[in-house]
């Protein structure tokens, strides 16, 4: 998909004529706004500006540029089925939603969503975007995290959340989570006090199994849009199959091996 096709797919706001002026309904401000050149900002140059900033920020293999593009493409797909979506805000928020990852990597106490929201706002203001546009993008990024208890409110924020979470569903979600856990030097699973393999359900220590039970298994009930729910449903069985297969293989290895070892050590 080239840039022009992507702009078309984003569905810019419907323009109405009110009192002799071209206006569109902005759901973020909940009022009609005049459709001036400053309001409708996205073009190839603007897209490249945001894209280049994103590319300079991405350092995480599981949250790399390809993750960003998948989120953007998912979002554009979802937006085609939703109403009153500001395509400019959506594209900007998708491109910039993970730019705070490196900040969180340096200090895990910092939320990448909060850090990235501020970075995005500062960048947009520095490059002469309208303040309300920058605030809207900031709000979308602030509320896209699965672990934070501040749910998205606007159509653009909900679409970003769903598009981002689609990338932890199915086979791609399994692959990305394993990559992330490897980068963080976290184990595939944890052992219970009796030496058996934990399935991750009640684990406190991070591992792939713990992340699967905490997030990957539960994400399918968290989507806001019907399109995202439909896509996720098509992927769910694959993820469950992989986890169950992996858990059974690991468990069998421990059970058989531990029994043989005990007999050898008698």
C-alpha atoms as a PDB file:
ATOM      1  CA  UNK A   1       0.000   0.000   0.000  1.00  0.00           C
ATOM      2  CA  UNK A   2       1.526   3.358  -1.022  1.00  0.00           C
ATOM      3  CA  UNK A   3       1.128   6.614   0.855  1.00  0.00           C
ATOM      4  CA  UNK A   4      -1.761   7.908  -1.266  1.00  0.00           C
ATOM      5  CA  UNK A   5      -3.704   4.675  -0.860  1.00  0.00           C
ATOM      6  CA  UNK A   6      -3.125   4.849   2.879  1.00  0.00           C
ATOM      7  CA  UNK A   7      -4.449   8.399   3.070  1.00  0.00           C
ATOM      8  CA  UNK A   8      -7.556   7.379   1.153  1.00  0.00           C
ATOM      9  CA  UNK A   9      -8.161   4.397   3.427  1.00  0.00           C
ATOM     10  CA  UNK A  10      -8.015   6.582   6.533  1.00  0.00           C
ATOM     11  CA  UNK A  11     -11.397   8.124   5.733  1.00  0.00           C
ATOM     12  CA  UNK A  12     -10.919  11.855   6.434  1.00  0.00           C
ATOM     13  CA  UNK A  13     -13.787  13.547   8.276  1.00  0.00           C
ATOM     14  CA  UNK A  14     -16.975  14.213   6.324  1.00  0.00           C
ATOM     15  CA  UNK A  15     -17.091  17.911   5.415  1.00  0.00           C
ATOM     16  CA  UNK A  16     -20.379  19.801   5.879  1.00  0.00           C
ATOM     17  CA  UNK A  17     -21.372  23.289   4.824  1.00  0.00           C
ATOM     18  CA  UNK A  18     -22.416  25.429   7.804  1.00  0.00           C
ATOM     19  CA  UNK A  19     -23.024  29.151   7.527  1.00  0.00           C
ATOM     20  CA  UNK A  20     -21.069  29.274   4.278  1.00  0.00           C
ATOM     21  CA  UNK A  21     -18.014  27.507   5.734  1.00  0.00           C
ATOM     22  CA  UNK A  22     -16.694  23.977   5.247  1.00  0.00           C
ATOM     23  CA  UNK A  23     -16.800  22.218   8.623  1.00  0.00           C
ATOM     24  CA  UNK A  24     -16.406  18.730  10.054  1.00  0.00           C
ATOM     25  CA  UNK A  25     -17.491  17.197  13.350  1.00  0.00           C
ATOM     26  CA  UNK A  26     -14.528  16.628  15.682  1.00  0.00           C
ATOM     27  CA  UNK A  27     -15.514  13.948  18.247  1.00  0.00           C
ATOM     28  CA  UNK A  28     -12.539  14.840  20.447  1.00  0.00           C
ATOM     29  CA  UNK A  29     -13.764  18.400  20.956  1.00  0.00           C
ATOM     30  CA  UNK A  30     -17.398  17.332  20.432  1.00  0.00           C
ATOM     31  CA  UNK A  31     -18.191  20.251  18.166  1.00  0.00           C
ATOM     32  CA  UNK A  32     -18.043  21.335  14.541  1.00  0.00           C
ATOM     33  CA  UNK A  33     -14.717  22.789  13.461  1.00  0.00           C
ATOM     34  CA  UNK A  34     -13.871  24.735  10.342  1.00  0.00           C
ATOM     35  CA  UNK A  35     -12.021  22.588   7.815  1.00  0.00           C
ATOM     36  CA  UNK A  36      -9.049  24.875   7.303  1.00  0.00           C
ATOM     37  CA  UNK A  37      -5.702  23.732   5.844  1.00  0.00           C
ATOM     38  CA  UNK A  38      -4.359  23.722   9.405  1.00  0.00           C
ATOM     39  CA  UNK A  39      -7.086  21.297  10.511  1.00  0.00           C
ATOM     40  CA  UNK A  40      -6.637  18.756   7.685  1.00  0.00           C
ATOM     41  CA  UNK A  41      -2.893  18.285   8.022  1.00  0.00           C
ATOM     42  CA  UNK A  42      -1.915  14.875   6.639  1.00  0.00           C
ATOM     43  CA  UNK A  43      -0.052  14.720   3.340  1.00  0.00           C
ATOM     44  CA  UNK A  44       3.059  12.922   2.116  1.00  0.00           C
ATOM     45  CA  UNK A  45       5.453  15.419   3.670  1.00  0.00           C
ATOM     46  CA  UNK A  46       3.683  15.360   7.017  1.00  0.00           C
ATOM     47  CA  UNK A  47       3.562  11.577   6.984  1.00  0.00           C
ATOM     48  CA  UNK A  48       7.305  11.415   6.243  1.00  0.00           C
ATOM     49  CA  UNK A  49       8.055  13.828   9.085  1.00  0.00           C
ATOM     50  CA  UNK A  50       6.205  11.641  11.577  1.00  0.00           C
ATOM     51  CA  UNK A  51       7.564   8.415  10.110  1.00  0.00           C
ATOM     52  CA  UNK A  52      11.172   9.585  10.300  1.00  0.00           C
ATOM     53  CA  UNK A  53      10.768  10.589  13.941  1.00  0.00           C
ATOM     54  CA  UNK A  54       9.285   7.183  14.689  1.00  0.00           C
ATOM     55  CA  UNK A  55      12.131   5.387  12.907  1.00  0.00           C
ATOM     56  CA  UNK A  56      14.688   7.317  14.952  1.00  0.00           C
ATOM     57  CA  UNK A  57      13.016   6.217  18.200  1.00  0.00           C
ATOM     58  CA  UNK A  58      12.444   2.496  17.626  1.00  0.00           C
ATOM     59  CA  UNK A  59      15.067   0.265  19.284  1.00  0.00           C
ATOM     60  CA  UNK A  60      13.052  -2.727  20.547  1.00  0.00           C
ATOM     61  CA  UNK A  61      12.987  -5.835  18.311  1.00  0.00           C
ATOM     62  CA  UNK A  62       9.445  -6.783  19.385  1.00  0.00           C
ATOM     63  CA  UNK A  63       8.269  -3.164  19.076  1.00  0.00           C
ATOM     64  CA  UNK A  64      10.132  -2.285  15.900  1.00  0.00           C
ATOM     65  CA  UNK A  65       9.130  -0.320  12.821  1.00  0.00           C
ATOM     66  CA  UNK A  66       7.322  -3.320  11.371  1.00  0.00           C
ATOM     67  CA  UNK A  67       5.126  -3.493  14.468  1.00  0.00           C
ATOM     68  CA  UNK A  68       4.303   0.183  13.913  1.00  0.00           C
ATOM     69  CA  UNK A  69       3.335  -0.386  10.299  1.00  0.00           C
ATOM     70  CA  UNK A  70       1.160  -3.377  11.193  1.00  0.00           C
ATOM     71  CA  UNK A  71      -0.610  -1.296  13.833  1.00  0.00           C
ATOM     72  CA  UNK A  72      -1.134   1.511  11.319  1.00  0.00           C
ATOM     73  CA  UNK A  73      -2.483  -0.841   8.660  1.00  0.00           C
ATOM     74  CA  UNK A  74      -4.744  -2.570  11.186  1.00  0.00           C
ATOM     75  CA  UNK A  75      -6.027   0.832  12.297  1.00  0.00           C
ATOM     76  CA  UNK A  76      -6.790   1.965   8.748  1.00  0.00           C
ATOM     77  CA  UNK A  77      -8.669  -1.279   8.167  1.00  0.00           C
ATOM     78  CA  UNK A  78     -10.703  -0.811  11.361  1.00  0.00           C
ATOM     79  CA  UNK A  79     -11.362   2.868  10.610  1.00  0.00           C
ATOM     80  CA  UNK A  80     -13.166   1.928   7.403  1.00  0.00           C
ATOM     81  CA  UNK A  81     -15.897   0.336   9.554  1.00  0.00           C
ATOM     82  CA  UNK A  82     -16.184   3.131  12.150  1.00  0.00           C
ATOM     83  CA  UNK A  83     -17.824   6.573  12.061  1.00  0.00           C
ATOM     84  CA  UNK A  84     -16.505  10.071  12.805  1.00  0.00           C
ATOM     85  CA  UNK A  85     -12.834   9.073  12.717  1.00  0.00           C
ATOM     86  CA  UNK A  86     -10.224  11.803  12.350  1.00  0.00           C
ATOM     87  CA  UNK A  87      -7.828  10.080   9.968  1.00  0.00           C
ATOM     88  CA  UNK A  88      -5.028  12.593  10.543  1.00  0.00           C
ATOM     89  CA  UNK A  89      -5.039  12.044  14.297  1.00  0.00           C
ATOM     90  CA  UNK A  90      -5.253   8.287  13.828  1.00  0.00           C
ATOM     91  CA  UNK A  91      -2.259   8.080  11.505  1.00  0.00           C
ATOM     92  CA  UNK A  92      -0.142  10.321  13.730  1.00  0.00           C
ATOM     93  CA  UNK A  93      -1.067   8.390  16.883  1.00  0.00           C
ATOM     94  CA  UNK A  94      -0.315   5.035  15.244  1.00  0.00           C
ATOM     95  CA  UNK A  95       3.074   6.151  13.988  1.00  0.00           C
ATOM     96  CA  UNK A  96       4.111   7.622  17.340  1.00  0.00           C
ATOM     97  CA  UNK A  97       2.423   5.319  19.864  1.00  0.00           C
ATOM     98  CA  UNK A  98       5.565   3.380  20.868  1.00  0.00           C
ATOM     99  CA  UNK A  99       8.230   6.083  20.710  1.00  0.00           C
ATOM    100  CA  UNK A 100       8.494   5.980  24.519  1.00  0.00           C
ATOM    101  CA  UNK A 101       9.683   2.360  24.582  1.00  0.00           C
ATOM    102  CA  UNK A 102      13.366   3.270  24.903  1.00  0.00           C
ATOM    103  CA  UNK A 103      12.558   5.488  27.894  1.00  0.00           C
ATOM    104  CA  UNK A 104      10.774   2.613  29.618  1.00  0.00           C
ATOM    105  CA  UNK A 105      13.649   0.247  28.776  1.00  0.00           C
ATOM    106  CA  UNK A 106      16.033   2.527  30.665  1.00  0.00           C
ATOM    107  CA  UNK A 107      13.677   2.851  33.637  1.00  0.00           C
ATOM    108  CA  UNK A 108      10.951   0.154  33.908  1.00  0.00           C
ATOM    109  CA  UNK A 109       9.071   2.305  36.425  1.00  0.00           C
ATOM    110  CA  UNK A 110       8.209   4.713  33.613  1.00  0.00           C
ATOM    111  CA  UNK A 111       5.203   3.881  31.435  1.00  0.00           C
ATOM    112  CA  UNK A 112       6.093   3.915  27.751  1.00  0.00           C
ATOM    113  CA  UNK A 113       2.582   5.193  27.031  1.00  0.00           C
ATOM    114  CA  UNK A 114       2.997   8.223  29.275  1.00  0.00           C
ATOM    115  CA  UNK A 115       6.542   8.910  28.112  1.00  0.00           C
ATOM    116  CA  UNK A 116       5.590   8.495  24.455  1.00  0.00           C
ATOM    117  CA  UNK A 117       2.511  10.704  24.803  1.00  0.00           C
ATOM    118  CA  UNK A 118       4.633  13.579  26.099  1.00  0.00           C
ATOM    119  CA  UNK A 119       7.306  13.025  23.449  1.00  0.00           C
ATOM    120  CA  UNK A 120       4.668  13.040  20.716  1.00  0.00           C
ATOM    121  CA  UNK A 121       3.011  16.207  22.027  1.00  0.00           C
ATOM    122  CA  UNK A 122       6.347  18.033  22.290  1.00  0.00           C
ATOM    123  CA  UNK A 123       7.363  16.934  18.798  1.00  0.00           C
ATOM    124  CA  UNK A 124       4.080  18.024  17.228  1.00  0.00           C
ATOM    125  CA  UNK A 125       4.107  21.416  18.941  1.00  0.00           C
ATOM    126  CA  UNK A 126       7.749  21.924  17.968  1.00  0.00           C
ATOM    127  CA  UNK A 127       6.801  21.294  14.339  1.00  0.00           C
ATOM    128  CA  UNK A 128       3.886  23.752  14.373  1.00  0.00           C
ATOM    129  CA  UNK A 129       0.938  21.382  14.582  1.00  0.00           C
ATOM    130  CA  UNK A 130      -2.199  22.825  16.122  1.00  0.00           C
ATOM    131  CA  UNK A 131      -2.276  22.445  19.913  1.00  0.00           C
ATOM    132  CA  UNK A 132      -5.623  20.659  19.896  1.00  0.00           C
ATOM    133  CA  UNK A 133      -4.329  18.206  17.303  1.00  0.00           C
ATOM    134  CA  UNK A 134      -1.260  17.524  19.454  1.00  0.00           C
ATOM    135  CA  UNK A 135      -3.443  17.069  22.556  1.00  0.00           C
ATOM    136  CA  UNK A 136      -5.668  14.604  20.720  1.00  0.00           C
ATOM    137  CA  UNK A 137      -2.684  12.525  19.565  1.00  0.00           C
ATOM    138  CA  UNK A 138      -1.223  12.689  23.065  1.00  0.00           C
ATOM    139  CA  UNK A 139      -4.491  11.391  24.532  1.00  0.00           C
ATOM    140  CA  UNK A 140      -4.603   8.450  22.110  1.00  0.00           C
ATOM    141  CA  UNK A 141      -1.064   7.390  22.967  1.00  0.00           C
ATOM    142  CA  UNK A 142      -1.637   7.860  26.698  1.00  0.00           C
ATOM    143  CA  UNK A 143      -4.508   5.346  26.691  1.00  0.00           C
ATOM    144  CA  UNK A 144      -3.197   2.615  24.376  1.00  0.00           C
ATOM    145  CA  UNK A 145      -1.487   0.467  27.030  1.00  0.00           C
ATOM    146  CA  UNK A 146      -3.093  -2.828  28.089  1.00  0.00           C
ATOM    147  CA  UNK A 147      -1.721  -2.583  31.620  1.00  0.00           C
ATOM    148  CA  UNK A 148      -2.884   0.938  32.449  1.00  0.00           C
ATOM    149  CA  UNK A 149      -6.349   1.570  33.873  1.00  0.00           C
ATOM    150  CA  UNK A 150      -7.183   4.606  31.762  1.00  0.00           C
ATOM    151  CA  UNK A 151      -9.320   3.290  28.900  1.00  0.00           C
ATOM    152  CA  UNK A 152      -9.437   5.091  25.542  1.00  0.00           C
ATOM    153  CA  UNK A 153     -12.342   7.517  25.052  1.00  0.00           C
ATOM    154  CA  UNK A 154     -12.310   8.842  21.482  1.00  0.00           C
ATOM    155  CA  UNK A 155     -12.859   6.806  18.304  1.00  0.00           C
ATOM    156  CA  UNK A 156      -9.218   7.318  17.327  1.00  0.00           C
ATOM    157  CA  UNK A 157      -7.936   6.174  20.727  1.00  0.00           C
ATOM    158  CA  UNK A 158     -10.131   3.061  20.671  1.00  0.00           C
ATOM    159  CA  UNK A 159      -8.984   2.181  17.165  1.00  0.00           C
ATOM    160  CA  UNK A 160      -5.323   2.622  18.157  1.00  0.00           C
ATOM    161  CA  UNK A 161      -5.843   0.399  21.203  1.00  0.00           C
ATOM    162  CA  UNK A 162      -7.490  -2.304  19.107  1.00  0.00           C
ATOM    163  CA  UNK A 163      -4.963  -2.114  16.271  1.00  0.00           C
ATOM    164  CA  UNK A 164      -2.074  -2.377  18.723  1.00  0.00           C
ATOM    165  CA  UNK A 165      -3.638  -5.300  20.597  1.00  0.00           C
ATOM    166  CA  UNK A 166      -4.291  -7.191  17.369  1.00  0.00           C
ATOM    167  CA  UNK A 167      -0.515  -7.482  17.139  1.00  0.00           C
ATOM    168  CA  UNK A 168      -0.478  -9.675  20.261  1.00  0.00           C
ATOM    169  CA  UNK A 169      -3.129 -12.061  18.933  1.00  0.00           C
ATOM    170  CA  UNK A 170      -2.601 -15.272  17.016  1.00  0.00           C
ATOM    171  CA  UNK A 171       0.750 -16.459  15.699  1.00  0.00           C
ATOM    172  CA  UNK A 172       2.211 -12.951  15.466  1.00  0.00           C
ATOM    173  CA  UNK A 173       1.404 -12.343  19.120  1.00  0.00           C
ATOM    174  CA  UNK A 174       3.140 -15.557  20.177  1.00  0.00           C
ATOM    175  CA  UNK A 175       6.215 -14.724  18.091  1.00  0.00           C
ATOM    176  CA  UNK A 176       6.464 -11.141  19.350  1.00  0.00           C
ATOM    177  CA  UNK A 177       6.034 -12.150  22.982  1.00  0.00           C
ATOM    178  CA  UNK A 178       8.793 -14.749  22.720  1.00  0.00           C
ATOM    179  CA  UNK A 179      11.049 -12.136  21.110  1.00  0.00           C
ATOM    180  CA  UNK A 180      10.281  -9.631  23.857  1.00  0.00           C
ATOM    181  CA  UNK A 181      10.893 -12.144  26.640  1.00  0.00           C
ATOM    182  CA  UNK A 182      14.177 -13.133  25.031  1.00  0.00           C
ATOM    183  CA  UNK A 183      15.324  -9.520  24.788  1.00  0.00           C
ATOM    184  CA  UNK A 184      14.450  -9.066  28.473  1.00  0.00           C
ATOM    185  CA  UNK A 185      16.304 -12.291  29.434  1.00  0.00           C
ATOM    186  CA  UNK A 186      13.098 -13.664  30.956  1.00  0.00           C
ATOM    187  CA  UNK A 187      12.401 -17.430  31.005  1.00  0.00           C
ATOM    188  CA  UNK A 188       9.863 -19.382  29.009  1.00  0.00           C
ATOM    189  CA  UNK A 189       8.210 -20.694  32.191  1.00  0.00           C
ATOM    190  CA  UNK A 190       8.595 -20.933  35.961  1.00  0.00           C
ATOM    191  CA  UNK A 191       8.712 -23.970  38.228  1.00  0.00           C
ATOM    192  CA  UNK A 192       6.486 -24.512  41.243  1.00  0.00           C
ATOM    193  CA  UNK A 193       8.007 -25.280  44.640  1.00  0.00           C
ATOM    194  CA  UNK A 194       7.534 -29.005  43.965  1.00  0.00           C
ATOM    195  CA  UNK A 195       9.558 -28.805  40.752  1.00  0.00           C
ATOM    196  CA  UNK A 196       6.624 -29.069  38.340  1.00  0.00           C
ATOM    197  CA  UNK A 197       6.113 -26.627  35.490  1.00  0.00           C
ATOM    198  CA  UNK A 198       3.695 -23.784  36.229  1.00  0.00           C
ATOM    199  CA  UNK A 199       1.191 -22.984  33.507  1.00  0.00           C
ATOM    200  CA  UNK A 200       1.632 -19.283  34.337  1.00  0.00           C
ATOM    201  CA  UNK A 201      -1.839 -18.682  35.758  1.00  0.00           C
ATOM    202  CA  UNK A 202      -0.795 -17.580  39.247  1.00  0.00           C
ATOM    203  CA  UNK A 203       2.811 -16.658  38.569  1.00  0.00           C
ATOM    204  CA  UNK A 204       4.191 -13.377  39.845  1.00  0.00           C
ATOM    205  CA  UNK A 205       7.575 -13.664  38.170  1.00  0.00           C
ATOM    206  CA  UNK A 206       7.622 -12.771  34.466  1.00  0.00           C
ATOM    207  CA  UNK A 207       7.875 -15.520  31.870  1.00  0.00           C
ATOM    208  CA  UNK A 208       6.293 -16.388  28.541  1.00  0.00           C
ATOM    209  CA  UNK A 209       3.692 -18.612  30.208  1.00  0.00           C
ATOM    210  CA  UNK A 210       2.881 -15.875  32.724  1.00  0.00           C
ATOM    211  CA  UNK A 211       2.446 -13.313  29.944  1.00  0.00           C
ATOM    212  CA  UNK A 212       0.256 -15.688  27.964  1.00  0.00           C
ATOM    213  CA  UNK A 213      -2.084 -16.249  30.895  1.00  0.00           C
ATOM    214  CA  UNK A 214      -2.110 -12.585  31.950  1.00  0.00           C
ATOM    215  CA  UNK A 215      -2.437 -10.913  28.558  1.00  0.00           C
ATOM    216  CA  UNK A 216      -2.439 -13.076  25.455  1.00  0.00           C
ATOM    217  CA  UNK A 217      -5.222 -15.384  26.632  1.00  0.00           C
ATOM    218  CA  UNK A 218      -7.412 -12.523  27.885  1.00  0.00           C
ATOM    219  CA  UNK A 219      -6.932  -9.943  25.150  1.00  0.00           C
ATOM    220  CA  UNK A 220      -9.779 -11.301  23.021  1.00  0.00           C
ATOM    221  CA  UNK A 221     -12.443  -9.813  25.306  1.00  0.00           C
ATOM    222  CA  UNK A 222     -10.852  -6.364  25.427  1.00  0.00           C
ATOM    223  CA  UNK A 223     -11.483  -5.012  21.936  1.00  0.00           C
ATOM    224  CA  UNK A 224     -13.666  -1.947  21.393  1.00  0.00           C
ATOM    225  CA  UNK A 225     -14.494  -2.325  17.689  1.00  0.00           C
ATOM    226  CA  UNK A 226     -16.337  -5.116  15.924  1.00  0.00           C
ATOM    227  CA  UNK A 227     -13.788  -5.290  13.106  1.00  0.00           C
ATOM    228  CA  UNK A 228     -10.961  -5.900  15.573  1.00  0.00           C
ATOM    229  CA  UNK A 229     -13.006  -8.536  17.385  1.00  0.00           C
ATOM    230  CA  UNK A 230     -13.628 -10.319  14.091  1.00  0.00           C
ATOM    231  CA  UNK A 231      -9.938 -10.332  13.151  1.00  0.00           C
ATOM    232  CA  UNK A 232      -8.879 -11.451  16.628  1.00  0.00           C
ATOM    233  CA  UNK A 233     -11.409 -14.296  16.656  1.00  0.00           C
ATOM    234  CA  UNK A 234      -9.850 -15.698  13.478  1.00  0.00           C
ATOM    235  CA  UNK A 235      -6.442 -15.806  15.187  1.00  0.00           C
ATOM    236  CA  UNK A 236      -7.396 -17.026  18.657  1.00  0.00           C
ATOM    237  CA  UNK A 237      -7.320 -20.758  17.998  1.00  0.00           C
ATOM    238  CA  UNK A 238      -3.764 -20.618  16.646  1.00  0.00           C
ATOM    239  CA  UNK A 239      -2.422 -18.924  19.775  1.00  0.00           C
ATOM    240  CA  UNK A 240      -4.225 -21.339  22.120  1.00  0.00           C
ATOM    241  CA  UNK A 241      -2.973 -24.337  20.145  1.00  0.00           C
ATOM    242  CA  UNK A 242       0.632 -23.178  20.318  1.00  0.00           C
ATOM    243  CA  UNK A 243       0.526 -22.460  24.060  1.00  0.00           C
ATOM    244  CA  UNK A 244      -1.121 -25.791  24.896  1.00  0.00           C
ATOM    245  CA  UNK A 245       1.279 -27.707  22.678  1.00  0.00           C
ATOM    246  CA  UNK A 246       4.296 -25.990  24.222  1.00  0.00           C
ATOM    247  CA  UNK A 247       3.040 -26.494  27.771  1.00  0.00           C
ATOM    248  CA  UNK A 248       2.342 -30.191  27.165  1.00  0.00           C
ATOM    249  CA  UNK A 249       5.774 -30.773  25.621  1.00  0.00           C
ATOM    250  CA  UNK A 250       7.597 -29.024  28.457  1.00  0.00           C
ATOM    251  CA  UNK A 251       5.529 -30.768  31.124  1.00  0.00           C
ATOM    252  CA  UNK A 252       6.120 -34.203  29.570  1.00  0.00           C
ATOM    253  CA  UNK A 253       9.864 -33.574  29.469  1.00  0.00           C
ATOM    254  CA  UNK A 254       9.983 -32.709  33.177  1.00  0.00           C
ATOM    255  CA  UNK A 255       7.701 -35.529  34.289  1.00  0.00           C
ATOM    256  CA  UNK A 256       9.521 -38.234  32.360  1.00  0.00           C
ATOM    257  CA  UNK A 257      13.006 -36.912  33.024  1.00  0.00           C
ATOM    258  CA  UNK A 258      12.514 -36.337  36.738  1.00  0.00           C
ATOM    259  CA  UNK A 259      11.169 -39.885  37.180  1.00  0.00           C
ATOM    260  CA  UNK A 260      14.140 -41.398  35.390  1.00  0.00           C
ATOM    261  CA  UNK A 261      16.583 -39.246  37.370  1.00  0.00           C
ATOM    262  CA  UNK A 262      15.025 -40.310  40.685  1.00  0.00           C
ATOM    263  CA  UNK A 263      15.417 -43.970  39.734  1.00  0.00           C
ATOM    264  CA  UNK A 264      19.066 -43.396  38.782  1.00  0.00           C
ATOM    265  CA  UNK A 265      19.827 -41.658  42.074  1.00  0.00           C
ATOM    266  CA  UNK A 266      18.389 -44.360  44.344  1.00  0.00           C
END
